[in-house]
Protein backbone atom coordinates (compact mmCIF):
# COMPACT_ATOMS: atom_id res chain seq x y z
CA MET A 1 236.21 94.47 243.14
CA PRO A 2 236.77 94.00 239.39
CA GLY A 3 238.80 97.02 237.77
CA HIS A 4 240.20 98.24 241.30
CA ASP A 5 243.14 97.68 243.32
CA LEU A 6 243.67 98.80 246.99
CA ILE A 7 246.24 101.49 247.79
CA GLY A 8 247.09 102.41 251.41
CA GLY A 9 243.42 100.88 252.16
CA LEU A 10 241.59 102.94 249.32
CA PRO A 11 240.36 101.92 246.09
CA VAL A 12 241.99 102.79 243.11
CA LEU A 13 240.75 102.32 239.31
CA LEU A 14 242.84 100.61 237.06
CA GLY A 15 242.45 101.11 233.42
CA HIS A 16 243.48 98.41 230.82
CA PRO A 17 247.33 99.55 229.47
CA GLU A 18 247.28 101.59 226.16
CA ARG A 19 249.94 102.03 223.65
CA SER A 20 252.19 104.87 224.13
CA ASP A 21 251.31 106.55 221.46
CA ALA A 22 247.81 105.74 221.54
CA ALA A 23 248.07 107.32 225.34
CA ARG A 24 249.87 110.47 223.89
CA ASN A 25 247.09 111.05 221.58
CA ARG A 26 244.52 110.67 224.27
CA GLN A 27 246.45 113.00 226.47
CA LEU A 28 246.68 116.07 224.07
CA LEU A 29 242.73 115.66 223.16
CA LEU A 30 242.17 116.03 227.01
CA ASP A 31 244.94 118.83 227.37
CA ALA A 32 243.04 120.58 224.50
CA ALA A 33 239.42 120.22 225.78
CA GLU A 34 240.85 121.07 229.36
CA GLN A 35 242.16 124.34 228.12
CA LEU A 36 238.75 125.38 226.40
CA VAL A 37 236.82 125.06 229.43
CA ARG A 38 239.40 126.97 231.31
CA GLU A 39 239.12 129.82 228.58
CA GLU A 40 235.71 129.33 227.48
CA GLY A 41 233.58 127.32 229.37
CA ALA A 42 232.53 123.78 229.35
CA ASP A 43 229.83 124.96 226.86
CA ALA A 44 232.50 125.88 224.35
CA VAL A 45 233.78 121.83 224.60
CA THR A 46 232.42 120.50 221.07
CA MET A 47 234.31 117.36 219.46
CA ASP A 48 235.23 120.06 216.50
CA ALA A 49 236.81 122.52 219.05
CA VAL A 50 238.68 119.92 220.34
CA ALA A 51 239.80 118.53 217.16
CA LYS A 52 240.84 121.87 215.97
CA ARG A 53 242.56 122.92 219.42
CA ALA A 54 244.38 119.41 219.25
CA GLY A 55 245.22 119.40 215.55
CA VAL A 56 243.61 116.31 214.58
CA GLY A 57 240.28 115.37 212.79
CA LYS A 58 236.96 115.41 214.15
CA GLY A 59 236.52 111.11 213.59
CA THR A 60 239.87 111.09 215.98
CA VAL A 61 237.90 112.52 219.13
CA PHE A 62 235.10 110.73 217.99
CA ARG A 63 236.82 107.24 218.43
CA ARG A 64 238.53 107.65 221.32
CA PHE A 65 235.92 109.07 223.44
CA GLY A 66 232.57 108.40 221.65
CA ASN A 67 230.64 111.29 222.11
CA ARG A 68 230.89 114.71 223.88
CA ALA A 69 229.31 113.31 227.26
CA GLY A 70 232.41 110.53 227.48
CA LEU A 71 235.18 113.17 226.62
CA MET A 72 233.46 115.41 229.85
CA LEU A 73 233.56 112.15 231.66
CA ALA A 74 237.16 111.33 230.71
CA LEU A 75 238.11 114.95 231.96
CA LEU A 76 236.79 114.44 235.04
CA ASP A 77 238.42 110.94 235.39
CA GLN A 78 241.88 112.44 234.61
CA SER A 79 240.81 115.04 237.43
CA ASP A 80 239.61 112.82 239.65
CA ARG A 81 243.38 110.53 239.19
CA LYS A 82 245.22 113.84 239.59
CA LEU A 83 244.02 114.66 242.74
CA GLN A 84 243.89 111.02 244.33
CA ALA A 85 247.73 110.65 243.83
CA ALA A 86 248.62 113.81 245.22
CA TYR A 87 246.96 112.73 248.49
CA MET A 88 248.14 109.53 248.67
CA PHE A 89 251.43 109.85 247.25
CA GLY A 90 252.25 113.59 247.27
CA PRO A 91 254.11 115.86 249.51
CA PRO A 92 252.78 117.45 252.65
CA PRO A 93 250.41 118.94 253.53
CA LEU A 94 248.30 116.92 251.05
CA GLY A 95 249.84 114.21 251.00
CA PRO A 96 250.81 111.45 253.86
CA ASP A 97 253.68 112.98 256.04
CA ALA A 98 251.72 115.41 257.54
CA PRO A 99 249.14 115.41 260.63
CA PRO A 100 245.46 114.73 259.37
CA VAL A 101 243.81 118.09 260.57
CA THR A 102 246.06 119.30 258.09
CA ARG A 103 245.76 117.05 255.20
CA LEU A 104 242.27 117.57 255.87
CA ILE A 105 242.48 121.26 255.12
CA ALA A 106 244.84 120.85 252.44
CA PHE A 107 242.27 118.12 250.55
CA GLY A 108 239.58 120.74 250.89
CA ARG A 109 241.77 123.87 249.46
CA ALA A 110 242.80 121.13 246.53
CA ARG A 111 239.31 120.61 245.91
CA LEU A 112 238.19 124.04 246.12
CA ALA A 113 240.96 125.08 243.74
CA LEU A 114 239.71 122.75 240.53
CA ILE A 115 236.39 123.80 241.43
CA GLU A 116 235.74 126.10 238.71
CA VAL A 117 236.96 123.92 235.65
CA GLU A 118 235.57 120.86 237.52
CA GLY A 119 232.16 122.28 238.10
CA GLU A 120 231.79 123.18 234.67
CA ILE A 121 232.63 119.80 233.47
CA ARG A 122 230.54 118.08 236.05
CA ARG A 123 227.45 120.35 234.83
CA ALA A 124 228.31 119.59 231.22
CA ALA A 125 228.81 115.47 231.81
CA ASP A 126 225.38 115.62 233.59
CA ARG A 127 227.00 113.30 236.23
CA GLY A 128 225.74 112.21 239.53
CA SER A 129 228.48 112.62 241.63
CA HIS A 130 227.59 110.75 245.06
CA ALA A 131 227.54 107.16 243.89
CA SER A 132 231.00 107.34 241.71
CA ALA A 133 233.94 105.79 242.21
CA PRO A 134 236.22 109.16 243.20
CA TYR A 135 233.73 110.42 245.55
CA ASN A 136 233.49 107.12 247.33
CA ILE A 137 237.73 107.25 247.29
CA ALA A 138 237.54 110.95 248.52
CA LYS A 139 235.20 110.00 251.18
CA THR A 140 237.19 106.98 252.46
CA HIS A 141 240.34 109.26 252.72
CA VAL A 142 238.42 112.08 254.67
CA ALA A 143 236.81 109.07 256.69
CA LEU A 144 240.26 108.15 257.29
CA LEU A 145 241.79 111.53 258.43
CA LEU A 146 238.73 112.15 260.46
CA ARG A 147 239.14 108.73 262.48
CA GLN A 148 243.13 109.57 262.67
CA ALA A 149 242.15 113.30 264.20
CA GLY A 150 240.18 111.63 266.85
CA ALA A 151 236.59 113.06 265.43
CA ALA A 152 233.70 111.91 267.27
CA GLY A 153 230.50 110.65 265.73
CA ASP A 154 229.20 108.87 262.72
CA ILE A 155 232.32 109.07 260.69
CA PRO A 156 231.08 108.22 257.14
CA LEU A 157 228.11 110.71 257.99
CA LEU A 158 230.44 113.19 258.74
CA ALA A 159 232.62 112.71 256.00
CA ASP A 160 229.43 112.91 253.31
CA THR A 161 228.78 116.59 255.41
CA LEU A 162 231.99 118.23 255.19
CA LEU A 163 232.18 116.70 251.16
CA ALA A 164 228.75 118.24 250.62
CA SER A 165 230.32 121.77 251.42
CA LEU A 166 232.94 120.91 248.15
CA ASP A 167 230.17 120.01 245.78
CA ALA A 168 230.89 122.06 242.65
CA ALA A 169 227.49 123.07 241.68
CA LEU A 170 226.78 124.73 245.32
CA VAL A 171 230.54 126.23 245.71
CA LEU A 172 229.68 128.23 241.69
CA HIS A 173 226.50 128.80 242.93
CA GLN A 174 228.35 130.56 246.28
CA ILE A 175 230.74 132.37 244.12
CA ARG A 176 228.78 133.35 241.20
CA VAL A 177 225.49 134.21 242.84
CA LEU A 178 226.00 134.83 246.53
CA GLY A 179 229.09 136.93 245.77
CA TYR A 180 231.39 134.67 248.22
CA THR A 181 235.10 135.21 247.29
CA PRO A 182 236.91 131.30 246.80
CA ASP A 183 239.15 132.81 249.72
CA GLN A 184 236.22 132.84 252.05
CA ILE A 185 234.87 129.74 250.68
CA VAL A 186 238.57 127.89 251.66
CA GLY A 187 238.40 130.03 254.89
CA HIS A 188 234.94 128.16 255.68
CA TRP A 189 236.27 124.75 255.15
CA GLU A 190 238.86 125.00 257.52
CA HIS A 191 236.96 126.41 259.95
CA LEU A 192 234.67 123.08 259.71
CA VAL A 193 237.23 120.90 259.85
CA ARG A 194 238.79 122.53 263.13
CA THR A 195 235.11 122.73 264.51
CA ILE A 196 234.73 119.02 264.00
CA VAL A 197 238.14 117.35 265.20
CA PRO A 198 239.31 117.77 268.65
CA ALA A 199 241.61 120.44 269.13
């Protein structure tokens, strides 16, 4: 598949190599945008605000990302890549040297820890996640762990069902409207995993 590679049986998105100064500038802008999301929410992320926070001209932000939607998608891509690296190559309990059920629980915890920021960004980017490469990579990972843990049934459908409980829009609704705490939602993820896989 063009633009992809396989690591541990999972597709990993490959980008074109950047010059080191271009990569530094890109990271500076993404860090500035992420800080704005954390501090003020996604609606505060404008090209002007990011340029000011990063200490560059607004034209630099436009040249790098094209428009605000491009910037938001780049933020999501960065977040997805960090999580992929953690569960493919990182230490346990999220990484490879832990039992599959432990890794599934850790995966849910890691996704939920990012939900406040990611949910805001996904809403602002208006990105449908279920056909995206990052979603399919996460689904492949969850399906692999379900198989390793001995789960029964239609594994791809089961992986979709589990991932649906981590949907950013749903989790933000549960926290902000329904009044659940992040700890309750994390506990529910662990309960789901332990219910689905044999003891």
